[in-house]
Amino acid sequence: MRNRELGLEPSSQKAIAEKFGLSRVYVGTVIENHQHGPKADEWRKKFASYAGMKN
């Protein structure tokens, strides 16, 4: 992951999970697009925003 190499946050899916109070497993399934629906889409946008990525 780019952020880990540069020492930026979030450096891992675990960091994202801790920030939003979610499980690492759920964050991983949302990021990998295994979760579908409006709530998962909303979380993907929040994760991307937090990571500094454009939606």
N, C-alpha and C. Protein backbone atom coordinates (compact mmCIF):
# COMPACT_ATOMS: atom_id res chain seq x y z
N MET A 1 0.85 -1.18 0.00
CA MET A 1 0.00 0.00 0.00
C MET A 1 0.89 1.23 0.00
N ARG A 2 0.57 2.17 -0.79
CA ARG A 2 1.34 3.40 -0.96
C ARG A 2 1.50 4.15 0.35
N ASN A 3 0.44 4.29 1.12
CA ASN A 3 0.50 5.07 2.36
C ASN A 3 1.47 4.47 3.37
N ARG A 4 1.51 3.18 3.47
CA ARG A 4 2.42 2.54 4.44
C ARG A 4 3.86 2.88 4.10
N GLU A 5 4.20 2.82 2.82
CA GLU A 5 5.57 3.11 2.39
C GLU A 5 5.96 4.56 2.68
N LEU A 6 4.99 5.47 2.61
CA LEU A 6 5.26 6.89 2.84
C LEU A 6 5.03 7.31 4.28
N GLY A 7 4.54 6.40 5.10
CA GLY A 7 4.29 6.72 6.50
C GLY A 7 3.03 7.56 6.71
N LEU A 8 2.09 7.47 5.78
CA LEU A 8 0.84 8.24 5.87
C LEU A 8 -0.27 7.38 6.44
N GLU A 9 -1.30 8.03 6.95
CA GLU A 9 -2.49 7.32 7.43
C GLU A 9 -3.58 7.47 6.39
N PRO A 10 -4.43 6.51 6.17
CA PRO A 10 -4.42 5.19 6.78
C PRO A 10 -3.38 4.31 6.12
N SER A 11 -2.69 3.55 6.92
CA SER A 11 -1.64 2.69 6.40
C SER A 11 -2.12 1.27 6.14
N SER A 12 -3.37 0.97 6.56
CA SER A 12 -3.88 -0.39 6.39
C SER A 12 -5.41 -0.39 6.50
N GLN A 13 -5.99 -1.53 6.14
CA GLN A 13 -7.44 -1.68 6.32
C GLN A 13 -7.77 -1.66 7.81
N LYS A 14 -6.85 -2.13 8.63
CA LYS A 14 -7.06 -2.10 10.08
C LYS A 14 -7.20 -0.65 10.56
N ALA A 15 -6.37 0.24 10.03
CA ALA A 15 -6.44 1.65 10.42
C ALA A 15 -7.78 2.26 10.03
N ILE A 16 -8.29 1.88 8.86
CA ILE A 16 -9.60 2.37 8.41
C ILE A 16 -10.68 1.83 9.33
N ALA A 17 -10.60 0.55 9.65
CA ALA A 17 -11.60 -0.07 10.53
C ALA A 17 -11.62 0.61 11.89
N GLU A 18 -10.46 0.89 12.45
CA GLU A 18 -10.39 1.54 13.76
C GLU A 18 -10.95 2.97 13.69
N LYS A 19 -10.65 3.68 12.62
CA LYS A 19 -11.14 5.06 12.46
C LYS A 19 -12.67 5.11 12.46
N PHE A 20 -13.30 4.17 11.77
CA PHE A 20 -14.75 4.20 11.61
C PHE A 20 -15.49 3.27 12.57
N GLY A 21 -14.76 2.57 13.41
CA GLY A 21 -15.39 1.68 14.38
C GLY A 21 -16.02 0.45 13.75
N LEU A 22 -15.38 -0.07 12.71
CA LEU A 22 -15.88 -1.24 11.99
C LEU A 22 -14.88 -2.39 12.14
N SER A 23 -15.31 -3.58 11.78
CA SER A 23 -14.39 -4.72 11.82
C SER A 23 -13.47 -4.70 10.59
N ARG A 24 -12.27 -5.26 10.77
CA ARG A 24 -11.34 -5.34 9.65
C ARG A 24 -11.91 -6.19 8.53
N VAL A 25 -12.62 -7.24 8.88
CA VAL A 25 -13.20 -8.13 7.88
C VAL A 25 -14.22 -7.37 7.03
N TYR A 26 -15.09 -6.61 7.68
CA TYR A 26 -16.11 -5.85 6.94
C TYR A 26 -15.46 -4.81 6.03
N VAL A 27 -14.46 -4.09 6.55
CA VAL A 27 -13.77 -3.09 5.74
C VAL A 27 -13.15 -3.76 4.51
N GLY A 28 -12.52 -4.90 4.71
CA GLY A 28 -11.92 -5.62 3.59
C GLY A 28 -12.93 -6.04 2.54
N THR A 29 -14.08 -6.55 2.98
CA THR A 29 -15.09 -6.98 2.00
C THR A 29 -15.69 -5.79 1.26
N VAL A 30 -15.82 -4.66 1.94
CA VAL A 30 -16.34 -3.45 1.26
C VAL A 30 -15.33 -2.95 0.24
N ILE A 31 -14.07 -2.86 0.64
CA ILE A 31 -13.03 -2.36 -0.26
C ILE A 31 -12.86 -3.27 -1.47
N GLU A 32 -12.93 -4.57 -1.25
CA GLU A 32 -12.76 -5.53 -2.35
C GLU A 32 -14.03 -5.72 -3.16
N ASN A 33 -15.05 -4.94 -2.86
CA ASN A 33 -16.31 -4.92 -3.61
C ASN A 33 -17.10 -6.22 -3.49
N HIS A 34 -16.95 -6.92 -2.36
CA HIS A 34 -17.75 -8.12 -2.11
C HIS A 34 -19.07 -7.77 -1.44
N GLN A 35 -19.15 -6.60 -0.85
CA GLN A 35 -20.40 -6.10 -0.25
C GLN A 35 -21.06 -5.20 -1.27
N HIS A 36 -22.36 -5.35 -1.43
CA HIS A 36 -23.09 -4.56 -2.42
C HIS A 36 -24.23 -3.83 -1.74
N GLY A 37 -24.69 -2.79 -2.40
CA GLY A 37 -25.83 -2.05 -1.88
C GLY A 37 -25.46 -0.62 -1.53
N PRO A 38 -26.46 0.17 -1.20
CA PRO A 38 -26.22 1.60 -0.94
C PRO A 38 -25.34 1.85 0.27
N LYS A 39 -25.46 1.07 1.31
CA LYS A 39 -24.64 1.28 2.51
C LYS A 39 -23.17 0.98 2.21
N ALA A 40 -22.90 -0.09 1.48
CA ALA A 40 -21.52 -0.42 1.11
C ALA A 40 -20.94 0.67 0.21
N ASP A 41 -21.74 1.19 -0.71
CA ASP A 41 -21.29 2.28 -1.58
C ASP A 41 -20.95 3.52 -0.76
N GLU A 42 -21.77 3.81 0.24
CA GLU A 42 -21.54 4.95 1.12
C GLU A 42 -20.22 4.77 1.89
N TRP A 43 -19.99 3.55 2.40
CA TRP A 43 -18.74 3.30 3.11
C TRP A 43 -17.54 3.43 2.19
N ARG A 44 -17.63 2.92 0.96
CA ARG A 44 -16.52 3.04 0.00
C ARG A 44 -16.16 4.49 -0.22
N LYS A 45 -17.17 5.36 -0.35
CA LYS A 45 -16.92 6.79 -0.55
C LYS A 45 -16.24 7.39 0.67
N LYS A 46 -16.69 7.00 1.87
CA LYS A 46 -16.07 7.51 3.10
C LYS A 46 -14.61 7.04 3.21
N PHE A 47 -14.37 5.77 2.89
CA PHE A 47 -13.02 5.24 2.96
C PHE A 47 -12.10 5.96 1.97
N ALA A 48 -12.60 6.18 0.76
CA ALA A 48 -11.80 6.86 -0.26
C ALA A 48 -11.50 8.28 0.16
N SER A 49 -12.48 8.96 0.71
CA SER A 49 -12.28 10.33 1.18
C SER A 49 -11.23 10.36 2.29
N TYR A 50 -11.34 9.45 3.24
CA TYR A 50 -10.39 9.38 4.35
C TYR A 50 -8.99 9.08 3.85
N ALA A 51 -8.87 8.25 2.83
CA ALA A 51 -7.56 7.88 2.30
C ALA A 51 -7.01 8.95 1.36
N GLY A 52 -7.80 9.98 1.06
CA GLY A 52 -7.34 11.04 0.19
C GLY A 52 -7.45 10.72 -1.28
N MET A 53 -8.34 9.79 -1.61
CA MET A 53 -8.55 9.40 -3.00
C MET A 53 -9.80 10.09 -3.52
N LYS A 54 -9.82 10.36 -4.81
CA LYS A 54 -11.03 10.95 -5.40
C LYS A 54 -12.08 9.89 -5.56
N ASN A 55 -13.36 10.28 -5.37
CA ASN A 55 -14.48 9.34 -5.51
C ASN A 55 -14.85 9.16 -6.95
